Structures are given as C-alpha cells and as structure tokens.
Amino acid sequence: MNRHEVTLYSQNNPAEPSLDEIARAIVQYGHMHLHLTGHVRKGNPNLNFGEIVNTIRSKAGLPLLVFK
C-alpha cells in the first residue's frame, strides 16, 4: 500500500467498543489512525474521551498522551 507517491494509512474504525480488541487491532495491523466512534464512547461510559484514548494506547504499548 505504501509504495505509491501518495501514502495511504490504514484506519481502525472499530466495529465493537472493546478497548482490548481495538488495541489488539492497532498492534496487529499497525493502524496509524483511530476513529473513536460514538458506540466506542457509549460502550465505555465510565471513561471520558482522554481516558479511552490513553487506555487504548496503554494496551497497545504506546506512550500516554497528556490532555489539558
């Protein structure tokens, strides 16, 4: 996919709200972008947006982000 002049990046647009599954797909497929759909946020009602992002990043072995 990345052999063309215009680089295309895959995106994880999760079909289910499982943060474990989202992180697994990021690691398995090397996604560079994550689309946090409404059902992911609604499927994890105890976490705010930043907490969802950092939970996924942590599970995928990525550094956490600082939100202001």
C-alpha atoms as a PDB file:
ATOM      1  CA  MET A   1       0.000   0.000   0.000  1.00  0.00           C
ATOM      2  CA  ASN A   2       2.809   2.448   0.819  1.00  0.00           C
ATOM      3  CA  ARG A   3       4.739   2.012  -2.439  1.00  0.00           C
ATOM      4  CA  HIS A   4       2.836   4.776  -4.228  1.00  0.00           C
ATOM      5  CA  GLU A   5       3.606   8.508  -4.332  1.00  0.00           C
ATOM      6  CA  VAL A   6       0.651   9.248  -2.100  1.00  0.00           C
ATOM      7  CA  THR A   7       0.981   7.326   1.138  1.00  0.00           C
ATOM      8  CA  LEU A   8      -2.239   5.766   2.415  1.00  0.00           C
ATOM      9  CA  TYR A   9      -2.629   4.889   6.062  1.00  0.00           C
ATOM     10  CA  SER A  10      -4.983   2.264   7.384  1.00  0.00           C
ATOM     11  CA  GLN A  11      -7.526   3.349   9.968  1.00  0.00           C
ATOM     12  CA  ASN A  12      -9.063   1.414  12.791  1.00  0.00           C
ATOM     13  CA  ASN A  13     -12.803   2.115  12.679  1.00  0.00           C
ATOM     14  CA  PRO A  14     -13.817  -0.378  15.368  1.00  0.00           C
ATOM     15  CA  ALA A  15     -16.961  -2.417  14.975  1.00  0.00           C
ATOM     16  CA  GLU A  16     -17.232  -3.059  18.715  1.00  0.00           C
ATOM     17  CA  PRO A  17     -16.451  -0.960  21.796  1.00  0.00           C
ATOM     18  CA  SER A  18     -13.979  -3.429  23.357  1.00  0.00           C
ATOM     19  CA  LEU A  19     -10.832  -1.460  24.191  1.00  0.00           C
ATOM     20  CA  ASP A  20      -8.856  -4.721  24.289  1.00  0.00           C
ATOM     21  CA  GLU A  21      -9.949  -5.587  20.737  1.00  0.00           C
ATOM     22  CA  ILE A  22      -9.235  -2.071  19.486  1.00  0.00           C
ATOM     23  CA  ALA A  23      -5.703  -2.188  20.943  1.00  0.00           C
ATOM     24  CA  ARG A  24      -5.134  -5.677  19.512  1.00  0.00           C
ATOM     25  CA  ALA A  25      -6.096  -4.477  16.029  1.00  0.00           C
ATOM     26  CA  ILE A  26      -3.749  -1.487  16.309  1.00  0.00           C
ATOM     27  CA  VAL A  27      -0.845  -3.790  17.144  1.00  0.00           C
ATOM     28  CA  GLN A  28      -1.809  -6.474  14.620  1.00  0.00           C
ATOM     29  CA  TYR A  29      -2.454  -4.187  11.657  1.00  0.00           C
ATOM     30  CA  GLY A  30      -0.227  -1.210  12.514  1.00  0.00           C
ATOM     31  CA  HIS A  31      -3.037   1.333  12.295  1.00  0.00           C
ATOM     32  CA  MET A  32      -1.783   4.928  12.295  1.00  0.00           C
ATOM     33  CA  HIS A  33      -5.218   6.460  12.946  1.00  0.00           C
ATOM     34  CA  LEU A  34      -8.095   5.542  15.240  1.00  0.00           C
ATOM     35  CA  HIS A  35     -11.667   6.686  14.676  1.00  0.00           C
ATOM     36  CA  LEU A  36     -13.357   6.730  18.073  1.00  0.00           C
ATOM     37  CA  THR A  37     -16.952   6.302  17.004  1.00  0.00           C
ATOM     38  CA  GLY A  38     -19.899   7.133  19.218  1.00  0.00           C
ATOM     39  CA  HIS A  39     -20.540   3.487  20.025  1.00  0.00           C
ATOM     40  CA  VAL A  40     -16.979   3.153  21.411  1.00  0.00           C
ATOM     41  CA  ARG A  41     -17.603   6.112  23.731  1.00  0.00           C
ATOM     42  CA  LYS A  42     -21.076   4.834  24.661  1.00  0.00           C
ATOM     43  CA  GLY A  43     -19.686   1.331  25.189  1.00  0.00           C
ATOM     44  CA  ASN A  44     -17.250   2.689  27.780  1.00  0.00           C
ATOM     45  CA  PRO A  45     -19.445   5.119  29.752  1.00  0.00           C
ATOM     46  CA  ASN A  46     -17.199   5.220  32.819  1.00  0.00           C
ATOM     47  CA  LEU A  47     -14.301   6.753  30.860  1.00  0.00           C
ATOM     48  CA  ASN A  48     -14.048  10.205  29.315  1.00  0.00           C
ATOM     49  CA  PHE A  49     -12.565  10.687  25.836  1.00  0.00           C
ATOM     50  CA  GLY A  50      -8.975  11.142  27.051  1.00  0.00           C
ATOM     51  CA  GLU A  51      -9.209   8.112  29.319  1.00  0.00           C
ATOM     52  CA  ILE A  52     -10.457   5.966  26.432  1.00  0.00           C
ATOM     53  CA  VAL A  53      -7.579   7.153  24.236  1.00  0.00           C
ATOM     54  CA  ASN A  54      -4.957   6.510  26.902  1.00  0.00           C
ATOM     55  CA  THR A  55      -6.416   3.134  27.871  1.00  0.00           C
ATOM     56  CA  ILE A  56      -6.172   2.015  24.249  1.00  0.00           C
ATOM     57  CA  ARG A  57      -2.657   3.485  23.907  1.00  0.00           C
ATOM     58  CA  SER A  58      -1.534   1.727  27.094  1.00  0.00           C
ATOM     59  CA  LYS A  59      -2.947  -1.630  25.962  1.00  0.00           C
ATOM     60  CA  ALA A  60      -1.216  -1.190  22.573  1.00  0.00           C
ATOM     61  CA  GLY A  61       2.127  -0.393  24.228  1.00  0.00           C
ATOM     62  CA  LEU A  62       2.121   3.258  23.156  1.00  0.00           C
ATOM     63  CA  PRO A  63       3.047   6.254  25.328  1.00  0.00           C
ATOM     64  CA  LEU A  64       0.181   8.039  27.049  1.00  0.00           C
ATOM     65  CA  LEU A  65      -0.941  11.486  25.951  1.00  0.00           C
ATOM     66  CA  VAL A  66      -1.374  14.495  28.229  1.00  0.00           C
ATOM     67  CA  PHE A  67      -4.710  16.262  27.790  1.00  0.00           C
ATOM     68  CA  LYS A  68      -5.242  19.816  29.017  1.00  0.00           C
END
